């Protein structure tokens, strides 16, 4: 009962941390999707320079730990005259990391659309970008929903790493309470439960989107 009361009394602090976690996750999801789509288009553009730049970006972001990326952006960039606030640095790092994974999901989905649809669109007078936007893009998005959903669910958990750059999100909120109560187990379990709830809610959204796109595909 004592531990339950501790978690209950810590609820407002954990709730504030949860709201900040949601803020980071939503911002990184939106911006990461934009970055991912741009990188995917660069990869399939046929332009060797753009393709190489996008490949290098994806390789670096997927080949290095997110924690290291966080340190480089927040603690390393000031060495070259670029100082970012903890919030900006956290969102930027999560965006770039998520964008790399989302770009591969989108690229694979775009390449999964039959080439005949490109030819048919061009024969109707549509430009490359018109075809991508109106014909290929919507179909690719439907195909990419499962893998993109998994990436975004992982992003919810990855937001815990912004605690290392002094952002008081969910995990750091729990740690601050632990520092005054010396009761780590119930508070870490409470934080884990909140992460699980957020991930589960996003999973529900993912499944509904999959069902929505599947229904549209049948019609």
N, C-alpha and C. Protein backbone atom coordinates (compact mmCIF):
# COMPACT_ATOMS: atom_id res chain seq x y z
N UNK A 1 0.82 -1.21 0.00
CA UNK A 1 0.00 0.00 0.00
C UNK A 1 0.86 1.26 0.00
N UNK A 2 1.96 1.19 0.76
CA UNK A 2 2.85 2.35 0.82
C UNK A 2 3.41 2.68 -0.56
N UNK A 3 3.79 1.64 -1.31
CA UNK A 3 4.34 1.88 -2.65
C UNK A 3 3.26 2.40 -3.60
N UNK A 4 2.05 1.90 -3.43
CA UNK A 4 0.95 2.39 -4.27
C UNK A 4 0.72 3.88 -4.01
N UNK A 5 0.73 4.25 -2.74
CA UNK A 5 0.55 5.67 -2.39
C UNK A 5 1.68 6.52 -2.95
N UNK A 6 2.90 5.97 -2.96
CA UNK A 6 4.04 6.70 -3.51
C UNK A 6 3.82 6.98 -4.99
N UNK A 7 3.40 5.97 -5.72
CA UNK A 7 3.16 6.14 -7.16
C UNK A 7 2.01 7.11 -7.38
N UNK A 8 0.96 6.97 -6.57
CA UNK A 8 -0.21 7.85 -6.70
C UNK A 8 0.17 9.31 -6.44
N UNK A 9 0.94 9.54 -5.38
CA UNK A 9 1.36 10.90 -5.05
C UNK A 9 2.33 11.48 -6.08
N UNK A 10 3.04 10.59 -6.77
CA UNK A 10 3.98 11.03 -7.80
C UNK A 10 3.29 11.21 -9.14
N UNK A 11 2.01 10.91 -9.19
CA UNK A 11 1.26 10.97 -10.44
C UNK A 11 1.37 12.29 -11.19
N UNK A 12 1.17 13.43 -10.54
CA UNK A 12 1.26 14.70 -11.27
C UNK A 12 2.62 14.92 -11.93
N UNK A 13 3.69 14.55 -11.24
CA UNK A 13 5.03 14.71 -11.81
C UNK A 13 5.21 13.79 -13.00
N UNK A 14 4.78 12.53 -12.85
CA UNK A 14 4.90 11.57 -13.95
C UNK A 14 4.02 11.98 -15.13
N UNK A 15 2.85 12.56 -14.82
CA UNK A 15 1.95 13.01 -15.89
C UNK A 15 2.58 14.13 -16.70
N UNK A 16 3.22 15.07 -16.01
CA UNK A 16 3.89 16.16 -16.72
C UNK A 16 5.00 15.61 -17.62
N UNK A 17 5.74 14.63 -17.10
CA UNK A 17 6.78 14.00 -17.91
C UNK A 17 6.20 13.26 -19.09
N UNK A 18 5.04 12.62 -18.89
CA UNK A 18 4.38 11.89 -19.98
C UNK A 18 3.93 12.85 -21.08
N UNK A 19 3.40 13.99 -20.69
CA UNK A 19 2.97 14.99 -21.68
C UNK A 19 4.15 15.49 -22.50
N UNK A 20 5.29 15.66 -21.85
CA UNK A 20 6.48 16.10 -22.59
C UNK A 20 6.97 14.98 -23.51
N UNK A 21 6.87 13.74 -23.06
CA UNK A 21 7.23 12.60 -23.90
C UNK A 21 6.36 12.57 -25.16
N UNK A 22 5.05 12.80 -24.98
CA UNK A 22 4.13 12.83 -26.12
C UNK A 22 4.49 13.96 -27.07
N UNK A 23 4.85 15.12 -26.50
CA UNK A 23 5.24 16.26 -27.32
C UNK A 23 6.45 15.91 -28.19
N UNK A 24 7.46 15.30 -27.59
CA UNK A 24 8.65 14.91 -28.34
C UNK A 24 8.30 13.88 -29.41
N UNK A 25 7.50 12.89 -29.04
CA UNK A 25 7.18 11.81 -29.97
C UNK A 25 6.38 12.33 -31.16
N UNK A 26 5.37 13.17 -30.91
CA UNK A 26 4.53 13.69 -32.00
C UNK A 26 5.36 14.56 -32.93
N UNK A 27 6.18 15.45 -32.35
CA UNK A 27 7.00 16.33 -33.18
C UNK A 27 7.97 15.52 -34.04
N UNK A 28 8.61 14.53 -33.43
CA UNK A 28 9.57 13.71 -34.17
C UNK A 28 8.87 12.85 -35.22
N UNK A 29 7.65 12.40 -34.93
CA UNK A 29 6.89 11.62 -35.91
C UNK A 29 6.58 12.45 -37.15
N UNK A 30 6.07 13.65 -36.92
CA UNK A 30 5.66 14.51 -38.03
C UNK A 30 6.88 14.91 -38.87
N UNK A 31 7.88 15.46 -38.21
CA UNK A 31 9.07 15.91 -38.93
C UNK A 31 9.85 14.73 -39.51
N UNK A 32 9.87 13.63 -38.78
CA UNK A 32 10.57 12.44 -39.27
C UNK A 32 9.93 11.88 -40.52
N UNK A 33 8.60 11.94 -40.60
CA UNK A 33 7.91 11.47 -41.80
C UNK A 33 8.25 12.35 -42.99
N UNK A 34 8.31 13.65 -42.76
CA UNK A 34 8.68 14.58 -43.84
C UNK A 34 10.09 14.29 -44.32
N UNK A 35 11.02 14.14 -43.38
CA UNK A 35 12.41 13.84 -43.74
C UNK A 35 12.50 12.49 -44.44
N UNK A 36 11.75 11.51 -43.94
CA UNK A 36 11.79 10.18 -44.53
C UNK A 36 11.29 10.15 -45.96
N UNK A 37 10.19 10.86 -46.22
CA UNK A 37 9.64 10.93 -47.58
C UNK A 37 10.65 11.60 -48.52
N UNK A 38 11.24 12.70 -48.05
CA UNK A 38 12.23 13.41 -48.89
C UNK A 38 13.43 12.52 -49.20
N UNK A 39 13.92 11.81 -48.19
CA UNK A 39 15.07 10.92 -48.40
C UNK A 39 14.70 9.77 -49.34
N UNK A 40 13.48 9.25 -49.20
CA UNK A 40 13.05 8.16 -50.09
C UNK A 40 12.97 8.63 -51.54
N UNK A 41 12.43 9.84 -51.74
CA UNK A 41 12.34 10.38 -53.10
C UNK A 41 13.74 10.60 -53.67
N UNK A 42 14.67 11.05 -52.84
CA UNK A 42 16.05 11.22 -53.29
C UNK A 42 16.66 9.90 -53.72
N UNK A 43 16.34 8.83 -52.98
CA UNK A 43 16.90 7.52 -53.30
C UNK A 43 16.40 6.98 -54.63
N UNK A 44 15.16 7.29 -54.98
CA UNK A 44 14.58 6.72 -56.21
C UNK A 44 14.59 7.72 -57.36
N UNK A 45 15.20 8.90 -57.14
CA UNK A 45 15.13 9.97 -58.13
C UNK A 45 15.91 9.66 -59.42
N UNK A 46 16.88 8.76 -59.33
CA UNK A 46 17.73 8.49 -60.49
C UNK A 46 18.91 9.44 -60.58
N UNK A 47 18.94 10.44 -59.70
CA UNK A 47 20.07 11.37 -59.64
C UNK A 47 21.13 10.78 -58.73
N UNK A 48 22.31 10.53 -59.27
CA UNK A 48 23.34 9.84 -58.51
C UNK A 48 23.77 10.63 -57.27
N UNK A 49 23.88 11.95 -57.40
CA UNK A 49 24.31 12.77 -56.26
C UNK A 49 23.28 12.70 -55.13
N UNK A 50 22.02 12.91 -55.48
CA UNK A 50 20.96 12.86 -54.47
C UNK A 50 20.88 11.47 -53.83
N UNK A 51 21.02 10.47 -54.65
CA UNK A 51 20.98 9.09 -54.15
C UNK A 51 22.11 8.84 -53.16
N UNK A 52 23.32 9.29 -53.48
CA UNK A 52 24.47 9.06 -52.61
C UNK A 52 24.32 9.83 -51.29
N UNK A 53 23.81 11.06 -51.39
CA UNK A 53 23.60 11.86 -50.17
C UNK A 53 22.59 11.17 -49.25
N UNK A 54 21.48 10.71 -49.82
CA UNK A 54 20.46 10.03 -49.02
C UNK A 54 20.99 8.73 -48.45
N UNK A 55 21.76 7.99 -49.25
CA UNK A 55 22.36 6.75 -48.75
C UNK A 55 23.28 7.01 -47.57
N UNK A 56 24.10 8.05 -47.68
CA UNK A 56 25.04 8.38 -46.60
C UNK A 56 24.28 8.75 -45.33
N UNK A 57 23.25 9.54 -45.49
CA UNK A 57 22.43 9.94 -44.34
C UNK A 57 21.83 8.74 -43.65
N UNK A 58 21.19 7.86 -44.42
CA UNK A 58 20.55 6.68 -43.86
C UNK A 58 21.58 5.77 -43.20
N UNK A 59 22.73 5.59 -43.84
CA UNK A 59 23.77 4.73 -43.30
C UNK A 59 24.29 5.23 -41.95
N UNK A 60 24.52 6.54 -41.87
CA UNK A 60 25.03 7.11 -40.62
C UNK A 60 24.00 7.00 -39.50
N UNK A 61 22.77 7.35 -39.79
CA UNK A 61 21.75 7.36 -38.75
C UNK A 61 21.36 5.96 -38.30
N UNK A 62 21.39 5.00 -39.21
CA UNK A 62 21.06 3.62 -38.83
C UNK A 62 22.27 2.88 -38.26
N UNK A 63 23.46 3.36 -38.56
CA UNK A 63 24.66 2.65 -38.15
C UNK A 63 25.30 3.15 -36.87
N UNK A 64 24.71 4.18 -36.27
CA UNK A 64 25.25 4.70 -35.01
C UNK A 64 24.15 4.71 -33.95
N UNK A 65 24.50 4.54 -32.68
CA UNK A 65 23.48 4.52 -31.62
C UNK A 65 22.80 5.88 -31.48
N UNK A 66 21.52 5.84 -31.19
CA UNK A 66 20.76 7.08 -31.00
C UNK A 66 21.34 7.89 -29.85
N UNK A 67 21.82 7.22 -28.82
CA UNK A 67 22.40 7.93 -27.68
C UNK A 67 23.62 8.74 -28.10
N UNK A 68 24.46 8.16 -28.94
CA UNK A 68 25.63 8.88 -29.44
C UNK A 68 25.20 10.07 -30.29
N UNK A 69 24.19 9.87 -31.13
CA UNK A 69 23.68 10.97 -31.94
C UNK A 69 23.18 12.11 -31.05
N UNK A 70 22.53 11.76 -29.95
CA UNK A 70 22.02 12.77 -29.03
C UNK A 70 23.18 13.58 -28.44
N UNK A 71 24.24 12.90 -28.06
CA UNK A 71 25.40 13.58 -27.49
C UNK A 71 26.07 14.49 -28.53
N UNK A 72 26.19 13.99 -29.75
CA UNK A 72 26.83 14.78 -30.81
C UNK A 72 26.06 16.07 -31.06
N UNK A 73 24.73 15.96 -31.16
CA UNK A 73 23.92 17.14 -31.46
C UNK A 73 23.93 18.14 -30.31
N UNK A 74 23.77 17.65 -29.08
CA UNK A 74 23.64 18.57 -27.95
C UNK A 74 24.98 19.05 -27.39
N UNK A 75 25.92 18.11 -27.24
CA UNK A 75 27.21 18.47 -26.63
C UNK A 75 28.30 18.75 -27.67
N UNK A 76 28.16 18.17 -28.87
CA UNK A 76 29.21 18.30 -29.87
C UNK A 76 29.08 19.52 -30.76
N UNK A 77 27.86 19.85 -31.19
CA UNK A 77 27.68 20.97 -32.12
C UNK A 77 28.14 22.32 -31.57
N UNK A 78 28.06 22.57 -30.25
CA UNK A 78 28.59 23.85 -29.76
C UNK A 78 30.07 24.07 -30.10
N UNK A 79 30.82 23.00 -30.33
CA UNK A 79 32.23 23.14 -30.71
C UNK A 79 32.39 23.81 -32.07
N UNK A 80 31.34 23.74 -32.91
CA UNK A 80 31.40 24.38 -34.23
C UNK A 80 30.48 25.60 -34.27
N UNK A 81 30.10 26.08 -33.10
CA UNK A 81 29.32 27.32 -33.02
C UNK A 81 27.82 27.15 -33.11
N UNK A 82 27.31 25.92 -32.98
CA UNK A 82 25.87 25.68 -33.07
C UNK A 82 25.39 25.19 -31.71
N UNK A 83 24.70 26.03 -30.98
CA UNK A 83 24.18 25.66 -29.67
C UNK A 83 22.66 25.55 -29.73
N UNK A 84 22.15 24.42 -29.30
CA UNK A 84 20.71 24.17 -29.33
C UNK A 84 20.19 23.94 -27.92
N UNK A 85 18.95 24.32 -27.70
CA UNK A 85 18.32 24.05 -26.41
C UNK A 85 18.11 22.54 -26.29
N UNK A 86 17.96 22.02 -25.06
CA UNK A 86 17.72 20.58 -24.91
C UNK A 86 16.50 20.09 -25.70
N UNK A 87 15.43 20.89 -25.68
CA UNK A 87 14.21 20.49 -26.41
C UNK A 87 14.46 20.41 -27.91
N UNK A 88 15.10 21.45 -28.45
CA UNK A 88 15.38 21.47 -29.89
C UNK A 88 16.33 20.35 -30.28
N UNK A 89 17.37 20.16 -29.48
CA UNK A 89 18.35 19.10 -29.78
C UNK A 89 17.69 17.73 -29.73
N UNK A 90 16.82 17.51 -28.75
CA UNK A 90 16.15 16.22 -28.63
C UNK A 90 15.23 15.94 -29.80
N UNK A 91 14.41 16.92 -30.17
CA UNK A 91 13.49 16.74 -31.29
C UNK A 91 14.25 16.56 -32.59
N UNK A 92 15.30 17.35 -32.79
CA UNK A 92 16.10 17.24 -34.01
C UNK A 92 16.73 15.86 -34.14
N UNK A 93 17.31 15.37 -33.07
CA UNK A 93 17.97 14.06 -33.12
C UNK A 93 16.96 12.95 -33.38
N UNK A 94 15.85 12.98 -32.66
CA UNK A 94 14.82 11.95 -32.87
C UNK A 94 14.25 12.02 -34.27
N UNK A 95 14.09 13.23 -34.79
CA UNK A 95 13.57 13.40 -36.16
C UNK A 95 14.52 12.79 -37.18
N UNK A 96 15.79 13.11 -37.08
CA UNK A 96 16.77 12.60 -38.04
C UNK A 96 16.88 11.09 -37.96
N UNK A 97 16.83 10.56 -36.75
CA UNK A 97 16.94 9.11 -36.58
C UNK A 97 15.71 8.40 -37.13
N UNK A 98 14.53 8.89 -36.77
CA UNK A 98 13.30 8.27 -37.27
C UNK A 98 13.18 8.43 -38.78
N UNK A 99 13.60 9.59 -39.31
CA UNK A 99 13.52 9.83 -40.74
C UNK A 99 14.29 8.81 -41.55
N UNK A 100 15.44 8.37 -41.03
CA UNK A 100 16.26 7.40 -41.75
C UNK A 100 15.52 6.07 -41.89
N UNK A 101 14.88 5.63 -40.82
CA UNK A 101 14.15 4.36 -40.87
C UNK A 101 12.87 4.49 -41.69
N UNK A 102 12.18 5.60 -41.54
CA UNK A 102 10.95 5.81 -42.30
C UNK A 102 11.24 5.92 -43.79
N UNK A 103 12.39 6.47 -44.15
CA UNK A 103 12.74 6.60 -45.57
C UNK A 103 12.89 5.24 -46.22
N UNK A 104 13.47 4.29 -45.50
CA UNK A 104 13.61 2.95 -46.06
C UNK A 104 12.26 2.25 -46.20
N UNK A 105 11.37 2.50 -45.24
CA UNK A 105 10.02 1.94 -45.35
C UNK A 105 9.31 2.49 -46.57
N UNK A 106 9.40 3.81 -46.77
CA UNK A 106 8.73 4.43 -47.91
C UNK A 106 9.39 4.03 -49.22
N UNK A 107 10.71 3.96 -49.23
CA UNK A 107 11.40 3.57 -50.47
C UNK A 107 10.99 2.16 -50.89
N UNK A 108 10.97 1.25 -49.92
CA UNK A 108 10.57 -0.12 -50.24
C UNK A 108 9.14 -0.20 -50.74
N UNK A 109 8.27 0.61 -50.13
CA UNK A 109 6.87 0.60 -50.56
C UNK A 109 6.72 1.18 -51.96
N UNK A 110 7.45 2.26 -52.25
CA UNK A 110 7.38 2.86 -53.58
C UNK A 110 7.88 1.89 -54.65
N UNK A 111 8.99 1.23 -54.34
CA UNK A 111 9.54 0.28 -55.30
C UNK A 111 8.64 -0.95 -55.45
N UNK A 112 7.75 -1.16 -54.48
CA UNK A 112 6.83 -2.29 -54.56
C UNK A 112 5.65 -2.05 -55.49
N UNK A 113 5.47 -0.80 -55.92
CA UNK A 113 4.39 -0.49 -56.87
C UNK A 113 4.85 -0.87 -58.28
N UNK A 114 4.03 -1.60 -59.04
CA UNK A 114 4.44 -2.03 -60.38
C UNK A 114 4.88 -0.85 -61.25
N UNK A 115 5.95 -1.06 -62.02
CA UNK A 115 6.48 0.00 -62.89
C UNK A 115 5.46 0.40 -63.96
N UNK A 116 4.55 -0.49 -64.27
CA UNK A 116 3.54 -0.18 -65.27
C UNK A 116 2.69 1.02 -64.90
N UNK A 117 2.52 1.25 -63.61
CA UNK A 117 1.72 2.38 -63.19
C UNK A 117 2.43 3.70 -63.47
N UNK A 118 3.76 3.69 -63.38
CA UNK A 118 4.52 4.88 -63.75
C UNK A 118 4.32 5.18 -65.25
N UNK A 119 4.45 4.11 -66.06
CA UNK A 119 4.32 4.29 -67.51
C UNK A 119 2.92 4.76 -67.89
N UNK A 120 1.92 4.18 -67.24
CA UNK A 120 0.54 4.57 -67.54
C UNK A 120 0.29 6.04 -67.17
N UNK A 121 0.85 6.46 -66.04
CA UNK A 121 0.67 7.85 -65.61
C UNK A 121 1.36 8.81 -66.56
N UNK A 122 2.56 8.44 -66.99
CA UNK A 122 3.28 9.30 -67.93
C UNK A 122 2.54 9.40 -69.27
N UNK A 123 1.91 8.28 -69.66
CA UNK A 123 1.17 8.30 -70.93
C UNK A 123 -0.06 9.20 -70.86
N UNK A 124 -0.53 9.44 -69.62
CA UNK A 124 -1.67 10.34 -69.43
C UNK A 124 -1.25 11.80 -69.28
N UNK A 125 0.05 12.03 -69.36
CA UNK A 125 0.55 13.40 -69.30
C UNK A 125 0.95 13.87 -67.91
N UNK A 126 0.96 12.96 -66.93
CA UNK A 126 1.36 13.35 -65.59
C UNK A 126 2.88 13.44 -65.50
N UNK A 127 3.36 14.44 -64.78
CA UNK A 127 4.80 14.57 -64.57
C UNK A 127 5.26 13.56 -63.52
N UNK A 128 6.57 13.53 -63.32
CA UNK A 128 7.15 12.60 -62.34
C UNK A 128 6.55 12.86 -60.95
N UNK A 129 6.55 14.11 -60.53
CA UNK A 129 6.08 14.42 -59.19
C UNK A 129 4.56 14.32 -59.08
N UNK A 130 3.84 14.58 -60.15
CA UNK A 130 2.39 14.38 -60.13
C UNK A 130 2.06 12.90 -59.99
N UNK A 131 2.81 12.07 -60.70
CA UNK A 131 2.61 10.63 -60.59
C UNK A 131 2.92 10.15 -59.17
N UNK A 132 4.02 10.66 -58.62
CA UNK A 132 4.42 10.27 -57.28
C UNK A 132 3.38 10.69 -56.25
N UNK A 133 2.84 11.88 -56.42
CA UNK A 133 1.90 12.41 -55.43
C UNK A 133 0.51 11.79 -55.54
N UNK A 134 0.00 11.65 -56.77
CA UNK A 134 -1.39 11.25 -56.94
C UNK A 134 -1.59 9.75 -57.20
N UNK A 135 -0.59 9.08 -57.71
CA UNK A 135 -0.75 7.67 -58.08
C UNK A 135 0.08 6.74 -57.19
N UNK A 136 1.37 6.98 -57.16
CA UNK A 136 2.27 6.06 -56.46
C UNK A 136 2.24 6.28 -54.95
N UNK A 137 2.28 7.56 -54.54
CA UNK A 137 2.36 7.88 -53.11
C UNK A 137 1.26 7.27 -52.26
N UNK A 138 -0.01 7.46 -52.62
CA UNK A 138 -1.08 6.89 -51.79
C UNK A 138 -1.00 5.37 -51.65
N UNK A 139 -0.63 4.69 -52.74
CA UNK A 139 -0.51 3.23 -52.67
C UNK A 139 0.69 2.83 -51.81
N UNK A 140 1.80 3.55 -51.96
CA UNK A 140 3.00 3.25 -51.18
C UNK A 140 2.75 3.47 -49.70
N UNK A 141 2.01 4.52 -49.37
CA UNK A 141 1.71 4.81 -47.97
C UNK A 141 0.94 3.67 -47.34
N UNK A 142 -0.01 3.11 -48.10
CA UNK A 142 -0.78 1.98 -47.57
C UNK A 142 0.11 0.78 -47.31
N UNK A 143 1.04 0.51 -48.23
CA UNK A 143 1.94 -0.62 -48.06
C UNK A 143 2.93 -0.41 -46.90
N UNK A 144 3.27 0.87 -46.65
CA UNK A 144 4.30 1.17 -45.66
C UNK A 144 3.76 1.29 -44.24
N UNK A 145 2.45 1.32 -44.08
CA UNK A 145 1.87 1.55 -42.76
C UNK A 145 2.39 0.58 -41.68
N UNK A 146 2.44 -0.74 -41.92
CA UNK A 146 2.91 -1.64 -40.86
C UNK A 146 4.34 -1.34 -40.40
N UNK A 147 5.26 -1.20 -41.34
CA UNK A 147 6.65 -0.95 -40.96
C UNK A 147 6.83 0.44 -40.38
N UNK A 148 6.11 1.42 -40.91
CA UNK A 148 6.17 2.76 -40.36
C UNK A 148 5.60 2.79 -38.95
N UNK A 149 4.53 2.06 -38.74
CA UNK A 149 3.94 2.00 -37.40
C UNK A 149 4.90 1.43 -36.38
N UNK A 150 5.64 0.40 -36.76
CA UNK A 150 6.62 -0.18 -35.85
C UNK A 150 7.72 0.83 -35.51
N UNK A 151 8.14 1.60 -36.51
CA UNK A 151 9.16 2.62 -36.27
C UNK A 151 8.66 3.69 -35.32
N UNK A 152 7.43 4.11 -35.50
CA UNK A 152 6.88 5.16 -34.65
C UNK A 152 6.63 4.67 -33.23
N UNK A 153 6.27 3.40 -33.08
CA UNK A 153 6.11 2.83 -31.74
C UNK A 153 7.46 2.80 -31.03
N UNK A 154 8.50 2.43 -31.76
CA UNK A 154 9.85 2.44 -31.19
C UNK A 154 10.26 3.86 -30.80
N UNK A 155 9.77 4.84 -31.55
CA UNK A 155 10.11 6.23 -31.26
C UNK A 155 9.58 6.65 -29.90
N UNK A 156 8.41 6.16 -29.51
CA UNK A 156 7.86 6.46 -28.19
C UNK A 156 8.86 6.07 -27.11
N UNK A 157 9.43 4.87 -27.25
CA UNK A 157 10.39 4.41 -26.24
C UNK A 157 11.72 5.14 -26.35
N UNK A 158 12.09 5.51 -27.57
CA UNK A 158 13.37 6.20 -27.77
C UNK A 158 13.38 7.59 -27.15
N UNK A 159 12.20 8.16 -26.91
CA UNK A 159 12.16 9.49 -26.30
C UNK A 159 12.78 9.49 -24.91
N UNK A 160 12.88 8.32 -24.29
CA UNK A 160 13.49 8.25 -22.95
C UNK A 160 14.94 8.71 -22.98
N UNK A 161 15.59 8.64 -24.14
CA UNK A 161 17.00 9.01 -24.23
C UNK A 161 17.23 10.51 -24.13
N UNK A 162 16.18 11.32 -24.32
CA UNK A 162 16.39 12.76 -24.19
C UNK A 162 16.64 13.13 -22.73
N UNK A 163 16.42 12.20 -21.83
CA UNK A 163 16.70 12.48 -20.41
C UNK A 163 18.19 12.73 -20.18
N UNK A 164 19.04 12.20 -21.07
CA UNK A 164 20.49 12.37 -20.88
C UNK A 164 20.95 13.78 -21.21
N UNK A 165 20.07 14.58 -21.85
CA UNK A 165 20.44 15.97 -22.15
C UNK A 165 19.56 16.92 -21.33
N UNK A 166 19.20 16.45 -20.15
CA UNK A 166 18.52 17.24 -19.11
C UNK A 166 17.07 17.58 -19.42
N UNK A 167 16.44 16.90 -20.36
CA UNK A 167 15.02 17.12 -20.62
C UNK A 167 14.21 16.29 -19.62
N UNK A 168 13.28 16.94 -18.93
CA UNK A 168 12.51 16.25 -17.89
C UNK A 168 11.28 15.59 -18.50
N UNK A 169 11.52 14.56 -19.31
CA UNK A 169 10.40 13.78 -19.84
C UNK A 169 10.05 12.70 -18.83
N UNK A 170 9.34 11.68 -19.27
CA UNK A 170 8.79 10.68 -18.35
C UNK A 170 9.88 10.00 -17.52
N UNK A 171 10.92 9.49 -18.16
CA UNK A 171 11.94 8.77 -17.43
C UNK A 171 12.66 9.66 -16.43
N UNK A 172 13.06 10.85 -16.87
CA UNK A 172 13.76 11.75 -15.96
C UNK A 172 12.86 12.22 -14.81
N UNK A 173 11.57 12.38 -15.10
CA UNK A 173 10.63 12.73 -14.03
C UNK A 173 10.63 11.65 -12.95
N UNK A 174 10.61 10.39 -13.40
CA UNK A 174 10.65 9.29 -12.44
C UNK A 174 11.97 9.29 -11.66
N UNK A 175 13.07 9.56 -12.35
CA UNK A 175 14.36 9.59 -11.69
C UNK A 175 14.45 10.70 -10.65
N UNK A 176 13.85 11.83 -10.93
CA UNK A 176 13.87 12.94 -9.97
C UNK A 176 13.07 12.60 -8.72
N UNK A 177 11.96 11.90 -8.89
CA UNK A 177 11.19 11.47 -7.72
C UNK A 177 11.96 10.43 -6.94
N UNK A 178 12.62 9.53 -7.64
CA UNK A 178 13.42 8.49 -6.98
C UNK A 178 14.54 9.11 -6.15
N UNK A 179 15.11 10.20 -6.65
CA UNK A 179 16.21 10.86 -5.93
C UNK A 179 15.77 11.40 -4.58
N UNK A 180 14.48 11.65 -4.41
CA UNK A 180 13.99 12.18 -3.14
C UNK A 180 13.31 11.12 -2.28
N UNK A 181 12.86 10.03 -2.90
CA UNK A 181 12.13 9.00 -2.14
C UNK A 181 12.94 7.74 -1.91
N UNK A 182 13.96 7.53 -2.74
CA UNK A 182 14.82 6.33 -2.66
C UNK A 182 13.99 5.05 -2.80
N UNK A 183 12.99 5.12 -3.69
CA UNK A 183 12.13 3.97 -3.98
C UNK A 183 12.13 3.74 -5.50
N UNK A 184 13.18 3.14 -6.05
CA UNK A 184 13.28 3.04 -7.51
C UNK A 184 12.30 2.07 -8.16
N UNK A 185 12.05 0.92 -7.52
CA UNK A 185 11.26 -0.11 -8.19
C UNK A 185 9.85 0.34 -8.56
N UNK A 186 9.04 0.84 -7.62
CA UNK A 186 7.66 1.21 -8.02
C UNK A 186 7.62 2.34 -9.04
N UNK A 187 8.56 3.27 -8.96
CA UNK A 187 8.53 4.40 -9.88
C UNK A 187 9.01 4.01 -11.27
N UNK A 188 10.03 3.15 -11.35
CA UNK A 188 10.45 2.68 -12.66
C UNK A 188 9.36 1.81 -13.28
N UNK A 189 8.68 1.02 -12.47
CA UNK A 189 7.58 0.20 -12.99
C UNK A 189 6.43 1.10 -13.48
N UNK A 190 6.17 2.18 -12.75
CA UNK A 190 5.13 3.11 -13.18
C UNK A 190 5.49 3.77 -14.50
N UNK A 191 6.76 4.16 -14.63
CA UNK A 191 7.22 4.75 -15.89
C UNK A 191 7.09 3.75 -17.04
N UNK A 192 7.49 2.49 -16.76
CA UNK A 192 7.39 1.45 -17.79
C UNK A 192 5.94 1.23 -18.21
N UNK A 193 5.04 1.28 -17.22
CA UNK A 193 3.61 1.09 -17.54
C UNK A 193 3.09 2.22 -18.41
N UNK A 194 3.53 3.43 -18.14
CA UNK A 194 3.09 4.57 -18.96
C UNK A 194 3.62 4.47 -20.39
N UNK A 195 4.89 4.05 -20.54
CA UNK A 195 5.43 3.83 -21.89
C UNK A 195 4.62 2.76 -22.61
N UNK A 196 4.27 1.71 -21.88
CA UNK A 196 3.50 0.62 -22.48
C UNK A 196 2.12 1.10 -22.93
N UNK A 197 1.48 1.93 -22.12
CA UNK A 197 0.16 2.48 -22.48
C UNK A 197 0.27 3.31 -23.75
N UNK A 198 1.28 4.19 -23.82
CA UNK A 198 1.45 5.03 -25.01
C UNK A 198 1.71 4.18 -26.25
N UNK A 199 2.56 3.15 -26.11
CA UNK A 199 2.85 2.28 -27.25
C UNK A 199 1.62 1.49 -27.68
N UNK A 200 0.83 1.07 -26.70
CA UNK A 200 -0.39 0.32 -27.01
C UNK A 200 -1.40 1.19 -27.75
N UNK A 201 -1.53 2.44 -27.33
CA UNK A 201 -2.45 3.36 -28.01
C UNK A 201 -2.02 3.58 -29.45
N UNK A 202 -0.72 3.71 -29.66
CA UNK A 202 -0.22 3.90 -31.02
C UNK A 202 -0.43 2.64 -31.85
N UNK A 203 -0.34 1.48 -31.21
CA UNK A 203 -0.60 0.22 -31.92
C UNK A 203 -2.04 0.15 -32.39
N UNK A 204 -2.96 0.63 -31.55
CA UNK A 204 -4.37 0.66 -31.93
C UNK A 204 -4.58 1.56 -33.15
N UNK A 205 -3.94 2.72 -33.13
CA UNK A 205 -4.03 3.64 -34.27
C UNK A 205 -3.47 2.98 -35.53
N UNK A 206 -2.35 2.28 -35.38
CA UNK A 206 -1.74 1.59 -36.52
C UNK A 206 -2.69 0.56 -37.10
N UNK A 207 -3.30 -0.26 -36.25
CA UNK A 207 -4.21 -1.30 -36.74
C UNK A 207 -5.43 -0.70 -37.43
N UNK A 208 -5.91 0.41 -36.90
CA UNK A 208 -7.07 1.05 -37.53
C UNK A 208 -6.70 1.63 -38.89
N UNK A 209 -5.52 2.19 -38.98
CA UNK A 209 -5.07 2.70 -40.28
C UNK A 209 -4.91 1.57 -41.28
N UNK A 210 -4.35 0.45 -40.83
CA UNK A 210 -4.21 -0.70 -41.72
C UNK A 210 -5.58 -1.16 -42.21
N UNK A 211 -6.55 -1.21 -41.28
CA UNK A 211 -7.90 -1.62 -41.68
C UNK A 211 -8.53 -0.62 -42.63
N UNK A 212 -8.30 0.66 -42.38
CA UNK A 212 -8.85 1.70 -43.25
C UNK A 212 -8.30 1.59 -44.66
N UNK A 213 -6.97 1.44 -44.78
CA UNK A 213 -6.35 1.34 -46.10
C UNK A 213 -6.74 0.04 -46.80
N UNK A 214 -6.89 -1.04 -46.02
CA UNK A 214 -7.30 -2.31 -46.62
C UNK A 214 -8.71 -2.21 -47.19
N UNK A 215 -9.59 -1.50 -46.45
CA UNK A 215 -10.96 -1.32 -46.91
C UNK A 215 -11.00 -0.49 -48.19
N UNK A 216 -10.20 0.57 -48.24
CA UNK A 216 -10.15 1.40 -49.44
C UNK A 216 -9.58 0.64 -50.62
N UNK A 217 -8.61 -0.26 -50.34
CA UNK A 217 -8.01 -1.03 -51.43
C UNK A 217 -9.02 -2.00 -52.05
N UNK A 218 -9.93 -2.53 -51.21
CA UNK A 218 -10.93 -3.47 -51.72
C UNK A 218 -11.99 -2.76 -52.56
N UNK A 219 -12.15 -1.45 -52.31
CA UNK A 219 -13.14 -0.70 -53.08
C UNK A 219 -12.50 0.13 -54.18
